[in-house]
Amino acid sequence: MDVMNAHHIAERTRLLSHEAYAALIDVDGSLVDQARSAIEAAIGRDGGTTGQRLWRLILCRSWSEIRTRMLEDSPEGRLLRSNSPFSTLIGIRDPDERTKLWRQAKRDLSDPTMLTSS
């Protein structure tokens, strides 16, 4: 990445958030069922976004596959994270925690070795 900007930091922050969500879902698999319900409700209301329709397809798979897809560094992974039902269900509610994640994302993007270890 040549230039770090707010968009890149936000994408990295979403990835870090989803790593935290995945750790919680590892412990409480019912969150996947709740995400399925939330996605179905959103799609039922207004047809949903492209990302929500993609989530609908992915949430039918095993948790390990869902986990892999939502954390992958790809355009699809970024689309999933930007439309994630887990952001609403779990979320990072504490403003201090959100600030810490934003700062971590900036540090990670400043140090290319951090990006390969995540």
PDB file of N, CA and C in Angstrom:
ATOM      1  N   MET A   1       0.845  -1.164   0.000  1.00  0.00           N
ATOM      2  CA  MET A   1       0.000   0.000   0.000  1.00  0.00           C
ATOM      3  C   MET A   1       0.894   1.232   0.000  1.00  0.00           C
ATOM      4  N   ASP A   2       0.701   2.099  -0.994  1.00  0.00           N
ATOM      5  CA  ASP A   2       1.571   3.256  -1.135  1.00  0.00           C
ATOM      6  C   ASP A   2       1.237   4.379  -0.168  1.00  0.00           C
ATOM      7  N   VAL A   3      -0.038   4.664   0.019  1.00  0.00           N
ATOM      8  CA  VAL A   3      -0.455   5.779   0.851  1.00  0.00           C
ATOM      9  C   VAL A   3      -1.482   5.284   1.871  1.00  0.00           C
ATOM     10  N   MET A   4      -1.216   5.631   3.122  1.00  0.00           N
ATOM     11  CA  MET A   4      -2.182   5.288   4.158  1.00  0.00           C
ATOM     12  C   MET A   4      -3.176   6.441   4.263  1.00  0.00           C
ATOM     13  N   ASN A   5      -4.460   6.131   4.160  1.00  0.00           N
ATOM     14  CA  ASN A   5      -5.477   7.160   4.333  1.00  0.00           C
ATOM     15  C   ASN A   5      -6.573   6.628   5.245  1.00  0.00           C
ATOM     16  N   ALA A   6      -7.554   7.470   5.519  1.00  0.00           N
ATOM     17  CA  ALA A   6      -8.622   7.086   6.451  1.00  0.00           C
ATOM     18  C   ALA A   6      -9.371   5.844   5.977  1.00  0.00           C
ATOM     19  N   HIS A   7      -9.534   5.708   4.674  1.00  0.00           N
ATOM     20  CA  HIS A   7     -10.235   4.536   4.134  1.00  0.00           C
ATOM     21  C   HIS A   7      -9.463   3.245   4.452  1.00  0.00           C
ATOM     22  N   HIS A   8      -8.152   3.267   4.242  1.00  0.00           N
ATOM     23  CA  HIS A   8      -7.329   2.092   4.541  1.00  0.00           C
ATOM     24  C   HIS A   8      -7.352   1.777   6.041  1.00  0.00           C
ATOM     25  N   ILE A   9      -7.303   2.839   6.847  1.00  0.00           N
ATOM     26  CA  ILE A   9      -7.337   2.628   8.304  1.00  0.00           C
ATOM     27  C   ILE A   9      -8.686   2.038   8.706  1.00  0.00           C
ATOM     28  N   ALA A  10      -9.764   2.547   8.132  1.00  0.00           N
ATOM     29  CA  ALA A  10     -11.102   2.026   8.453  1.00  0.00           C
ATOM     30  C   ALA A  10     -11.218   0.555   8.053  1.00  0.00           C
ATOM     31  N   GLU A  11     -10.693   0.200   6.878  1.00  0.00           N
ATOM     32  CA  GLU A  11     -10.741  -1.208   6.455  1.00  0.00           C
ATOM     33  C   GLU A  11      -9.955  -2.092   7.410  1.00  0.00           C
ATOM     34  N   ARG A  12      -8.792  -1.623   7.805  1.00  0.00           N
ATOM     35  CA  ARG A  12      -7.975  -2.408   8.742  1.00  0.00           C
ATOM     36  C   ARG A  12      -8.672  -2.515  10.097  1.00  0.00           C
ATOM     37  N   THR A  13      -9.319  -1.437  10.525  1.00  0.00           N
ATOM     38  CA  THR A  13     -10.047  -1.450  11.792  1.00  0.00           C
ATOM     39  C   THR A  13     -11.190  -2.457  11.733  1.00  0.00           C
ATOM     40  N   ARG A  14     -11.893  -2.509  10.600  1.00  0.00           N
ATOM     41  CA  ARG A  14     -12.977  -3.502  10.452  1.00  0.00           C
ATOM     42  C   ARG A  14     -12.423  -4.926  10.545  1.00  0.00           C
ATOM     43  N   LEU A  15     -11.253  -5.155   9.949  1.00  0.00           N
ATOM     44  CA  LEU A  15     -10.644  -6.484  10.041  1.00  0.00           C
ATOM     45  C   LEU A  15     -10.314  -6.816  11.496  1.00  0.00           C
ATOM     46  N   LEU A  16      -9.692  -5.881  12.201  1.00  0.00           N
ATOM     47  CA  LEU A  16      -9.359  -6.127  13.608  1.00  0.00           C
ATOM     48  C   LEU A  16     -10.622  -6.377  14.434  1.00  0.00           C
ATOM     49  N   SER A  17     -11.680  -5.638  14.161  1.00  0.00           N
ATOM     50  CA  SER A  17     -12.952  -5.838  14.853  1.00  0.00           C
ATOM     51  C   SER A  17     -13.487  -7.235  14.587  1.00  0.00           C
ATOM     52  N   HIS A  18     -13.418  -7.662  13.330  1.00  0.00           N
ATOM     53  CA  HIS A  18     -13.941  -8.979  12.979  1.00  0.00           C
ATOM     54  C   HIS A  18     -13.097 -10.115  13.552  1.00  0.00           C
ATOM     55  N   GLU A  19     -11.831  -9.874  13.765  1.00  0.00           N
ATOM     56  CA  GLU A  19     -11.022 -10.870  14.469  1.00  0.00           C
ATOM     57  C   GLU A  19     -11.533 -11.028  15.900  1.00  0.00           C
ATOM     58  N   ALA A  20     -11.906  -9.907  16.531  1.00  0.00           N
ATOM     59  CA  ALA A  20     -12.467  -9.968  17.887  1.00  0.00           C
ATOM     60  C   ALA A  20     -13.837 -10.649  17.869  1.00  0.00           C
ATOM     61  N   TYR A  21     -14.663 -10.330  16.876  1.00  0.00           N
ATOM     62  CA  TYR A  21     -15.979 -10.979  16.771  1.00  0.00           C
ATOM     63  C   TYR A  21     -15.809 -12.487  16.594  1.00  0.00           C
ATOM     64  N   ALA A  22     -14.872 -12.877  15.756  1.00  0.00           N
ATOM     65  CA  ALA A  22     -14.655 -14.306  15.502  1.00  0.00           C
ATOM     66  C   ALA A  22     -14.280 -15.031  16.787  1.00  0.00           C
ATOM     67  N   ALA A  23     -13.458 -14.403  17.608  1.00  0.00           N
ATOM     68  CA  ALA A  23     -13.084 -15.029  18.880  1.00  0.00           C
ATOM     69  C   ALA A  23     -14.312 -15.231  19.767  1.00  0.00           C
ATOM     70  N   LEU A  24     -15.229 -14.264  19.763  1.00  0.00           N
ATOM     71  CA  LEU A  24     -16.465 -14.406  20.550  1.00  0.00           C
ATOM     72  C   LEU A  24     -17.369 -15.495  19.972  1.00  0.00           C
ATOM     73  N   ILE A  25     -17.457 -15.546  18.651  1.00  0.00           N
ATOM     74  CA  ILE A  25     -18.302 -16.550  18.003  1.00  0.00           C
ATOM     75  C   ILE A  25     -17.726 -17.947  18.212  1.00  0.00           C
ATOM     76  N   ASP A  26     -16.396 -18.054  18.292  1.00  0.00           N
ATOM     77  CA  ASP A  26     -15.772 -19.350  18.601  1.00  0.00           C
ATOM     78  C   ASP A  26     -16.339 -19.904  19.911  1.00  0.00           C
ATOM     79  N   VAL A  27     -16.662 -19.020  20.837  1.00  0.00           N
ATOM     80  CA  VAL A  27     -17.178 -19.407  22.151  1.00  0.00           C
ATOM     81  C   VAL A  27     -18.699 -19.543  22.142  1.00  0.00           C
ATOM     82  N   ASP A  28     -19.372 -18.672  21.379  1.00  0.00           N
ATOM     83  CA  ASP A  28     -20.839 -18.666  21.359  1.00  0.00           C
ATOM     84  C   ASP A  28     -21.344 -18.746  19.922  1.00  0.00           C
ATOM     85  N   GLY A  29     -21.495 -19.966  19.435  1.00  0.00           N
ATOM     86  CA  GLY A  29     -21.934 -20.195  18.060  1.00  0.00           C
ATOM     87  C   GLY A  29     -23.343 -19.715  17.763  1.00  0.00           C
ATOM     88  N   SER A  30     -24.134 -19.428  18.799  1.00  0.00           N
ATOM     89  CA  SER A  30     -25.491 -18.944  18.556  1.00  0.00           C
ATOM     90  C   SER A  30     -25.488 -17.576  17.871  1.00  0.00           C
ATOM     91  N   LEU A  31     -24.364 -16.884  17.932  1.00  0.00           N
ATOM     92  CA  LEU A  31     -24.261 -15.587  17.254  1.00  0.00           C
ATOM     93  C   LEU A  31     -24.406 -15.745  15.738  1.00  0.00           C
ATOM     94  N   VAL A  32     -24.014 -16.890  15.201  1.00  0.00           N
ATOM     95  CA  VAL A  32     -24.191 -17.138  13.763  1.00  0.00           C
ATOM     96  C   VAL A  32     -25.682 -17.249  13.451  1.00  0.00           C
ATOM     97  N   ASP A  33     -26.428 -17.937  14.299  1.00  0.00           N
ATOM     98  CA  ASP A  33     -27.880 -18.035  14.098  1.00  0.00           C
ATOM     99  C   ASP A  33     -28.532 -16.664  14.180  1.00  0.00           C
ATOM    100  N   GLN A  34     -28.079 -15.854  15.122  1.00  0.00           N
ATOM    101  CA  GLN A  34     -28.615 -14.496  15.247  1.00  0.00           C
ATOM    102  C   GLN A  34     -28.289 -13.667  14.005  1.00  0.00           C
ATOM    103  N   ALA A  35     -27.092 -13.860  13.458  1.00  0.00           N
ATOM    104  CA  ALA A  35     -26.703 -13.138  12.238  1.00  0.00           C
ATOM    105  C   ALA A  35     -27.582 -13.563  11.063  1.00  0.00           C
ATOM    106  N   ARG A  36     -27.850 -14.864  10.961  1.00  0.00           N
ATOM    107  CA  ARG A  36     -28.740 -15.348   9.892  1.00  0.00           C
ATOM    108  C   ARG A  36     -30.106 -14.666   9.985  1.00  0.00           C
ATOM    109  N   SER A  37     -30.654 -14.598  11.188  1.00  0.00           N
ATOM    110  CA  SER A  37     -31.956 -13.959  11.390  1.00  0.00           C
ATOM    111  C   SER A  37     -31.911 -12.477  11.017  1.00  0.00           C
ATOM    112  N   ALA A  38     -30.855 -11.801  11.412  1.00  0.00           N
ATOM    113  CA  ALA A  38     -30.724 -10.370  11.104  1.00  0.00           C
ATOM    114  C   ALA A  38     -30.631 -10.137   9.600  1.00  0.00           C
ATOM    115  N   ILE A  39     -29.874 -10.968   8.907  1.00  0.00           N
ATOM    116  CA  ILE A  39     -29.722 -10.836   7.456  1.00  0.00           C
ATOM    117  C   ILE A  39     -31.050 -11.126   6.768  1.00  0.00           C
ATOM    118  N   GLU A  40     -31.734 -12.169   7.188  1.00  0.00           N
ATOM    119  CA  GLU A  40     -33.033 -12.489   6.593  1.00  0.00           C
ATOM    120  C   GLU A  40     -34.014 -11.333   6.788  1.00  0.00           C
ATOM    121  N   ALA A  41     -34.007 -10.735   7.958  1.00  0.00           N
ATOM    122  CA  ALA A  41     -34.905  -9.608   8.230  1.00  0.00           C
ATOM    123  C   ALA A  41     -34.564  -8.415   7.334  1.00  0.00           C
ATOM    124  N   ALA A  42     -33.277  -8.122   7.189  1.00  0.00           N
ATOM    125  CA  ALA A  42     -32.862  -6.988   6.349  1.00  0.00           C
ATOM    126  C   ALA A  42     -33.247  -7.217   4.893  1.00  0.00           C
ATOM    127  N   ILE A  43     -33.008  -8.404   4.415  1.00  0.00           N
ATOM    128  CA  ILE A  43     -33.347  -8.722   3.024  1.00  0.00           C
ATOM    129  C   ILE A  43     -34.866  -8.718   2.840  1.00  0.00           C
ATOM    130  N   GLY A  44     -35.586  -9.192   3.831  1.00  0.00           N
ATOM    131  CA  GLY A  44     -37.042  -9.204   3.766  1.00  0.00           C
ATOM    132  C   GLY A  44     -37.653  -7.811   3.730  1.00  0.00           C
ATOM    133  N   ARG A  45     -37.008  -6.860   4.404  1.00  0.00           N
ATOM    134  CA  ARG A  45     -37.516  -5.486   4.447  1.00  0.00           C
ATOM    135  C   ARG A  45     -37.394  -4.781   3.107  1.00  0.00           C
ATOM    136  N   ASP A  46     -36.204  -4.855   2.516  1.00  0.00           N
ATOM    137  CA  ASP A  46     -35.968  -4.029   1.327  1.00  0.00           C
ATOM    138  C   ASP A  46     -35.095  -4.690   0.262  1.00  0.00           C
ATOM    139  N   GLY A  47     -34.940  -5.985   0.329  1.00  0.00           N
ATOM    140  CA  GLY A  47     -34.113  -6.680  -0.653  1.00  0.00           C
ATOM    141  C   GLY A  47     -32.652  -6.756  -0.259  1.00  0.00           C
ATOM    142  N   GLY A  48     -32.244  -5.954   0.723  1.00  0.00           N
ATOM    143  CA  GLY A  48     -30.870  -5.991   1.223  1.00  0.00           C
ATOM    144  C   GLY A  48     -29.849  -5.406   0.273  1.00  0.00           C
ATOM    145  N   THR A  49     -28.659  -5.245   0.790  1.00  0.00           N
ATOM    146  CA  THR A  49     -27.533  -4.770  -0.004  1.00  0.00           C
ATOM    147  C   THR A  49     -26.854  -5.965  -0.675  1.00  0.00           C
ATOM    148  N   THR A  50     -25.959  -5.678  -1.578  1.00  0.00           N
ATOM    149  CA  THR A  50     -25.159  -6.746  -2.199  1.00  0.00           C
ATOM    150  C   THR A  50     -24.421  -7.533  -1.119  1.00  0.00           C
ATOM    151  N   GLY A  51     -23.864  -6.823  -0.167  1.00  0.00           N
ATOM    152  CA  GLY A  51     -23.144  -7.486   0.919  1.00  0.00           C
ATOM    153  C   GLY A  51     -24.043  -8.350   1.773  1.00  0.00           C
ATOM    154  N   GLN A  52     -25.241  -7.878   2.058  1.00  0.00           N
ATOM    155  CA  GLN A  52     -26.171  -8.680   2.859  1.00  0.00           C
ATOM    156  C   GLN A  52     -26.606  -9.936   2.112  1.00  0.00           C
ATOM    157  N   ARG A  53     -26.814  -9.808   0.808  1.00  0.00           N
ATOM    158  CA  ARG A  53     -27.181 -11.004   0.035  1.00  0.00           C
ATOM    159  C   ARG A  53     -26.021 -11.991  -0.013  1.00  0.00           C
ATOM    160  N   LEU A  54     -24.798 -11.486  -0.054  1.00  0.00           N
ATOM    161  CA  LEU A  54     -23.627 -12.365   0.000  1.00  0.00           C
ATOM    162  C   LEU A  54     -23.546 -13.049   1.366  1.00  0.00           C
ATOM    163  N   TRP A  55     -23.795 -12.297   2.433  1.00  0.00           N
ATOM    164  CA  TRP A  55     -23.806 -12.895   3.765  1.00  0.00           C
ATOM    165  C   TRP A  55     -24.824 -14.015   3.852  1.00  0.00           C
ATOM    166  N   ARG A  56     -25.993 -13.815   3.244  1.00  0.00           N
ATOM    167  CA  ARG A  56     -27.046 -14.836   3.278  1.00  0.00           C
ATOM    168  C   ARG A  56     -26.502 -16.165   2.744  1.00  0.00           C
ATOM    169  N   LEU A  57     -25.749 -16.103   1.658  1.00  0.00           N
ATOM    170  CA  LEU A  57     -25.169 -17.320   1.071  1.00  0.00           C
ATOM    171  C   LEU A  57     -24.096 -17.922   1.964  1.00  0.00           C
ATOM    172  N   ILE A  58     -23.273 -17.075   2.548  1.00  0.00           N
ATOM    173  CA  ILE A  58     -22.145 -17.554   3.348  1.00  0.00           C
ATOM    174  C   ILE A  58     -22.599 -18.101   4.697  1.00  0.00           C
ATOM    175  N   LEU A  59     -23.628 -17.494   5.290  1.00  0.00           N
ATOM    176  CA  LEU A  59     -24.086 -17.937   6.610  1.00  0.00           C
ATOM    177  C   LEU A  59     -24.727 -19.322   6.598  1.00  0.00           C
ATOM    178  N   CYS A  60     -24.908 -19.894   5.421  1.00  0.00           N
ATOM    179  CA  CYS A  60     -25.430 -21.266   5.311  1.00  0.00           C
ATOM    180  C   CYS A  60     -24.313 -22.296   5.449  1.00  0.00           C
ATOM    181  N   ARG A  61     -23.098 -21.841   5.548  1.00  0.00           N
ATOM    182  CA  ARG A  61     -21.933 -22.746   5.588  1.00  0.00           C
ATOM    183  C   ARG A  61     -21.492 -23.001   7.028  1.00  0.00           C
ATOM    184  N   SER A  62     -20.456 -23.802   7.159  1.00  0.00           N
ATOM    185  CA  SER A  62     -19.924 -24.103   8.495  1.00  0.00           C
ATOM    186  C   SER A  62     -19.256 -22.857   9.080  1.00  0.00           C
ATOM    187  N   TRP A  63     -19.189 -22.821  10.424  1.00  0.00           N
ATOM    188  CA  TRP A  63     -18.554 -21.677  11.072  1.00  0.00           C
ATOM    189  C   TRP A  63     -17.111 -21.516  10.605  1.00  0.00           C
ATOM    190  N   SER A  64     -16.370 -22.568  10.430  1.00  0.00           N
ATOM    191  CA  SER A  64     -14.969 -22.412  10.007  1.00  0.00           C
ATOM    192  C   SER A  64     -14.879 -21.747   8.630  1.00  0.00           C
ATOM    193  N   GLU A  65     -15.793 -22.087   7.731  1.00  0.00           N
ATOM    194  CA  GLU A  65     -15.786 -21.449   6.418  1.00  0.00           C
ATOM    195  C   GLU A  65     -16.250 -19.998   6.504  1.00  0.00           C
ATOM    196  N   ILE A  66     -17.270 -19.742   7.318  1.00  0.00           N
ATOM    197  CA  ILE A  66     -17.731 -18.362   7.511  1.00  0.00           C
ATOM    198  C   ILE A  66     -16.583 -17.521   8.051  1.00  0.00           C
ATOM    199  N   ARG A  67     -15.898 -18.057   9.051  1.00  0.00           N
ATOM    200  CA  ARG A  67     -14.788 -17.359   9.706  1.00  0.00           C
ATOM    201  C   ARG A  67     -13.700 -17.015   8.685  1.00  0.00           C
ATOM    202  N   THR A  68     -13.338 -18.007   7.893  1.00  0.00           N
ATOM    203  CA  THR A  68     -12.301 -17.795   6.882  1.00  0.00           C
ATOM    204  C   THR A  68     -12.702 -16.699   5.911  1.00  0.00           C
ATOM    205  N   ARG A  69     -13.927 -16.760   5.430  1.00  0.00           N
ATOM    206  CA  ARG A  69     -14.388 -15.797   4.426  1.00  0.00           C
ATOM    207  C   ARG A  69     -14.459 -14.379   4.991  1.00  0.00           C
ATOM    208  N   MET A  70     -14.930 -14.224   6.222  1.00  0.00           N
ATOM    209  CA  MET A  70     -15.082 -12.875   6.753  1.00  0.00           C
ATOM    210  C   MET A  70     -13.747 -12.251   7.143  1.00  0.00           C
ATOM    211  N   LEU A  71     -12.709 -13.062   7.316  1.00  0.00           N
ATOM    212  CA  LEU A  71     -11.400 -12.529   7.699  1.00  0.00           C
ATOM    213  C   LEU A  71     -10.405 -12.479   6.544  1.00  0.00           C
ATOM    214  N   GLU A  72     -10.807 -12.962   5.369  1.00  0.00           N
ATOM    215  CA  GLU A  72      -9.843 -13.000   4.269  1.00  0.00           C
ATOM    216  C   GLU A  72      -9.558 -11.595   3.732  1.00  0.00           C
ATOM    217  N   ASP A  73      -8.305 -11.440   3.273  1.00  0.00           N
ATOM    218  CA  ASP A  73      -7.874 -10.172   2.688  1.00  0.00           C
ATOM    219  C   ASP A  73      -8.159 -10.231   1.195  1.00  0.00           C
ATOM    220  N   SER A  74      -9.378  -9.840   0.851  1.00  0.00           N
ATOM    221  CA  SER A  74      -9.812  -9.876  -0.540  1.00  0.00           C
ATOM    222  C   SER A  74     -10.942  -8.869  -0.697  1.00  0.00           C
ATOM    223  N   PRO A  75     -11.286  -8.534  -1.934  1.00  0.00           N
ATOM    224  CA  PRO A  75     -12.438  -7.638  -2.121  1.00  0.00           C
ATOM    225  C   PRO A  75     -13.707  -8.204  -1.480  1.00  0.00           C
ATOM    226  N   GLU A  76     -13.914  -9.523  -1.594  1.00  0.00           N
ATOM    227  CA  GLU A  76     -15.099 -10.129  -0.984  1.00  0.00           C
ATOM    228  C   GLU A  76     -15.054 -10.016   0.534  1.00  0.00           C
ATOM    229  N   GLY A  77     -13.899 -10.267   1.124  1.00  0.00           N
ATOM    230  CA  GLY A  77     -13.762 -10.147   2.577  1.00  0.00           C
ATOM    231  C   GLY A  77     -14.054  -8.728   3.043  1.00  0.00           C
ATOM    232  N   ARG A  78     -13.556  -7.735   2.304  1.00  0.00           N
ATOM    233  CA  ARG A  78     -13.824  -6.341   2.652  1.00  0.00           C
ATOM    234  C   ARG A  78     -15.308  -6.011   2.506  1.00  0.00           C
ATOM    235  N   LEU A  79     -15.953  -6.531   1.450  1.00  0.00           N
ATOM    236  CA  LEU A  79     -17.388  -6.319   1.261  1.00  0.00           C
ATOM    237  C   LEU A  79     -18.175  -6.938   2.420  1.00  0.00           C
ATOM    238  N   LEU A  80     -17.801  -8.142   2.803  1.00  0.00           N
ATOM    239  CA  LEU A  80     -18.477  -8.794   3.923  1.00  0.00           C
ATOM    240  C   LEU A  80     -18.332  -7.980   5.202  1.00  0.00           C
ATOM    241  N   ARG A  81     -17.119  -7.540   5.497  1.00  0.00           N
ATOM    242  CA  ARG A  81     -16.903  -6.789   6.736  1.00  0.00           C
ATOM    243  C   ARG A  81     -17.642  -5.452   6.730  1.00  0.00           C
ATOM    244  N   SER A  82     -17.791  -4.840   5.560  1.00  0.00           N
ATOM    245  CA  SER A  82     -18.471  -3.544   5.518  1.00  0.00           C
ATOM    246  C   SER A  82     -19.990  -3.681   5.601  1.00  0.00           C
ATOM    247  N   ASN A  83     -20.512  -4.889   5.468  1.00  0.00           N
ATOM    248  CA  ASN A  83     -21.954  -5.150   5.558  1.00  0.00           C
ATOM    249  C   ASN A  83     -22.265  -6.199   6.621  1.00  0.00           C
ATOM    250  N   SER A  84     -21.431  -6.320   7.585  1.00  0.00           N
ATOM    251  CA  SER A  84     -21.482  -7.439   8.521  1.00  0.00           C
ATOM    252  C   SER A  84     -22.612  -7.357   9.543  1.00  0.00           C
ATOM    253  N   PRO A  85     -23.360  -8.442   9.671  1.00  0.00           N
ATOM    254  CA  PRO A  85     -24.360  -8.476  10.742  1.00  0.00           C
ATOM    255  C   PRO A  85     -23.701  -8.545  12.118  1.00  0.00           C
ATOM    256  N   PHE A  86     -22.459  -9.000  12.176  1.00  0.00           N
ATOM    257  CA  PHE A  86     -21.775  -9.106  13.459  1.00  0.00           C
ATOM    258  C   PHE A  86     -21.404  -7.737  14.016  1.00  0.00           C
ATOM    259  N   SER A  87     -21.231  -6.758  13.155  1.00  0.00           N
ATOM    260  CA  SER A  87     -20.947  -5.403  13.631  1.00  0.00           C
ATOM    261  C   SER A  87     -22.123  -4.857  14.426  1.00  0.00           C
ATOM    262  N   THR A  88     -23.331  -5.213  14.002  1.00  0.00           N
ATOM    263  CA  THR A  88     -24.535  -4.774  14.706  1.00  0.00           C
ATOM    264  C   THR A  88     -24.797  -5.651  15.929  1.00  0.00           C
ATOM    265  N   LEU A  89     -24.650  -6.954  15.770  1.00  0.00           N
ATOM    266  CA  LEU A  89     -24.944  -7.884  16.870  1.00  0.00           C
ATOM    267  C   LEU A  89     -23.947  -7.774  18.019  1.00  0.00           C
ATOM    268  N   ILE A  90     -22.672  -7.679  17.662  1.00  0.00           N
ATOM    269  CA  ILE A  90     -21.623  -7.675  18.684  1.00  0.00           C
ATOM    270  C   ILE A  90     -21.098  -6.253  18.850  1.00  0.00           C
ATOM    271  N   GLY A  91     -20.513  -5.750  17.765  1.00  0.00           N
ATOM    272  CA  GLY A  91     -20.010  -4.379  17.745  1.00  0.00           C
ATOM    273  C   GLY A  91     -18.942  -4.091  18.781  1.00  0.00           C
ATOM    274  N   ILE A  92     -18.249  -3.015  18.536  1.00  0.00           N
ATOM    275  CA  ILE A  92     -17.293  -2.478  19.506  1.00  0.00           C
ATOM    276  C   ILE A  92     -17.966  -1.213  20.025  1.00  0.00           C
ATOM    277  N   ARG A  93     -18.613  -1.320  21.160  1.00  0.00           N
ATOM    278  CA  ARG A  93     -19.450  -0.235  21.678  1.00  0.00           C
ATOM    279  C   ARG A  93     -18.660   0.829  22.441  1.00  0.00           C
ATOM    280  N   ASP A  94     -17.614   0.403  23.110  1.00  0.00           N
ATOM    281  CA  ASP A  94     -16.830   1.318  23.947  1.00  0.00           C
ATOM    282  C   ASP A  94     -16.000   2.251  23.065  1.00  0.00           C
ATOM    283  N   PRO A  95     -16.210   3.570  23.178  1.00  0.00           N
ATOM    284  CA  PRO A  95     -15.446   4.514  22.349  1.00  0.00           C
ATOM    285  C   PRO A  95     -13.936   4.382  22.537  1.00  0.00           C
ATOM    286  N   ASP A  96     -13.504   4.093  23.770  1.00  0.00           N
ATOM    287  CA  ASP A  96     -12.063   3.928  24.009  1.00  0.00           C
ATOM    288  C   ASP A  96     -11.523   2.707  23.258  1.00  0.00           C
ATOM    289  N   GLU A  97     -12.311   1.637  23.234  1.00  0.00           N
ATOM    290  CA  GLU A  97     -11.901   0.430  22.506  1.00  0.00           C
ATOM    291  C   GLU A  97     -11.838   0.703  21.002  1.00  0.00           C
ATOM    292  N   ARG A  98     -12.812   1.450  20.476  1.00  0.00           N
ATOM    293  CA  ARG A  98     -12.792   1.810  19.051  1.00  0.00           C
ATOM    294  C   ARG A  98     -11.551   2.638  18.724  1.00  0.00           C
ATOM    295  N   THR A  99     -11.209   3.571  19.621  1.00  0.00           N
ATOM    296  CA  THR A  99     -10.011   4.391  19.420  1.00  0.00           C
ATOM    297  C   THR A  99      -8.761   3.516  19.431  1.00  0.00           C
ATOM    298  N   LYS A 100      -8.705   2.559  20.352  1.00  0.00           N
ATOM    299  CA  LYS A 100      -7.554   1.643  20.407  1.00  0.00           C
ATOM    300  C   LYS A 100      -7.436   0.840  19.111  1.00  0.00           C
ATOM    301  N   LEU A 101      -8.558   0.365  18.594  1.00  0.00           N
ATOM    302  CA  LEU A 101      -8.521  -0.395  17.340  1.00  0.00           C
ATOM    303  C   LEU A 101      -8.043   0.487  16.186  1.00  0.00           C
ATOM    304  N   TRP A 102      -8.531   1.713  16.115  1.00  0.00           N
ATOM    305  CA  TRP A 102      -8.122   2.657  15.058  1.00  0.00           C
ATOM    306  C   TRP A 102      -6.608   2.891  15.125  1.00  0.00           C
ATOM    307  N   ARG A 103      -6.109   3.109  16.337  1.00  0.00           N
ATOM    308  CA  ARG A 103      -4.659   3.337  16.507  1.00  0.00           C
ATOM    309  C   ARG A 103      -3.862   2.088  16.130  1.00  0.00           C
ATOM    310  N   GLN A 104      -4.382   0.918  16.516  1.00  0.00           N
ATOM    311  CA  GLN A 104      -3.711  -0.336  16.146  1.00  0.00           C
ATOM    312  C   GLN A 104      -3.672  -0.487  14.630  1.00  0.00           C
ATOM    313  N   ALA A 105      -4.777  -0.161  13.972  1.00  0.00           N
ATOM    314  CA  ALA A 105      -4.827  -0.250  12.510  1.00  0.00           C
ATOM    315  C   ALA A 105      -3.779   0.666  11.887  1.00  0.00           C
ATOM    316  N   LYS A 106      -3.649   1.874  12.395  1.00  0.00           N
ATOM    317  CA  LYS A 106      -2.630   2.805  11.880  1.00  0.00           C
ATOM    318  C   LYS A 106      -1.227   2.249  12.080  1.00  0.00           C
ATOM    319  N   ARG A 107      -0.984   1.687  13.268  1.00  0.00           N
ATOM    320  CA  ARG A 107       0.347   1.091  13.528  1.00  0.00           C
ATOM    321  C   ARG A 107       0.604  -0.060  12.565  1.00  0.00           C
ATOM    322  N   ASP A 108      -0.404  -0.916  12.394  1.00  0.00           N
ATOM    323  CA  ASP A 108      -0.244  -2.065  11.503  1.00  0.00           C
ATOM    324  C   ASP A 108       0.073  -1.615  10.084  1.00  0.00           C
ATOM    325  N   LEU A 109      -0.635  -0.604   9.612  1.00  0.00           N
ATOM    326  CA  LEU A 109      -0.418  -0.127   8.243  1.00  0.00           C
ATOM    327  C   LEU A 109       0.918   0.585   8.087  1.00  0.00           C
ATOM    328  N   SER A 110       1.446   1.108   9.181  1.00  0.00           N
ATOM    329  CA  SER A 110       2.750   1.757   9.149  1.00  0.00           C
ATOM    330  C   SER A 110       3.896   0.758   9.147  1.00  0.00           C
ATOM    331  N   ASP A 111       3.600  -0.469   9.591  1.00  0.00           N
ATOM    332  CA  ASP A 111       4.610  -1.527   9.694  1.00  0.00           C
ATOM    333  C   ASP A 111       4.177  -2.704   8.832  1.00  0.00           C
ATOM    334  N   PRO A 112       4.682  -2.799   7.600  1.00  0.00           N
ATOM    335  CA  PRO A 112       4.252  -3.870   6.683  1.00  0.00           C
ATOM    336  C   PRO A 112       4.424  -5.287   7.244  1.00  0.00           C
ATOM    337  N   THR A 113       5.340  -5.486   8.186  1.00  0.00           N
ATOM    338  CA  THR A 113       5.525  -6.828   8.745  1.00  0.00           C
ATOM    339  C   THR A 113       4.309  -7.240   9.574  1.00  0.00           C
ATOM    340  N   MET A 114       3.576  -6.262  10.117  1.00  0.00           N
ATOM    341  CA  MET A 114       2.370  -6.569  10.896  1.00  0.00           C
ATOM    342  C   MET A 114       1.259  -7.104  10.003  1.00  0.00           C
ATOM    343  N   LEU A 115       1.227  -6.653   8.766  1.00  0.00           N
ATOM    344  CA  LEU A 115       0.142  -7.045   7.860  1.00  0.00           C
ATOM    345  C   LEU A 115       0.277  -8.497   7.417  1.00  0.00           C
ATOM    346  N   THR A 116       1.470  -9.010   7.385  1.00  0.00           N
ATOM    347  CA  THR A 116       1.650 -10.393   6.973  1.00  0.00           C
ATOM    348  C   THR A 116       1.466 -11.359   8.125  1.00  0.00           C
ATOM    349  N   SER A 117       1.541 -10.858   9.370  1.00  0.00           N
ATOM    350  CA  SER A 117       1.418 -11.757  10.514  1.00  0.00           C
ATOM    351  C   SER A 117      -0.013 -11.919  10.979  1.00  0.00           C
ATOM    352  N   SER A 118      -0.932 -11.092  10.531  1.00  0.00           N
ATOM    353  CA  SER A 118      -2.339 -11.176  10.968  1.00  0.00           C
ATOM    354  C   SER A 118      -3.093 -12.217  10.216  1.00  0.00           C
TER     355      SER A 118
END
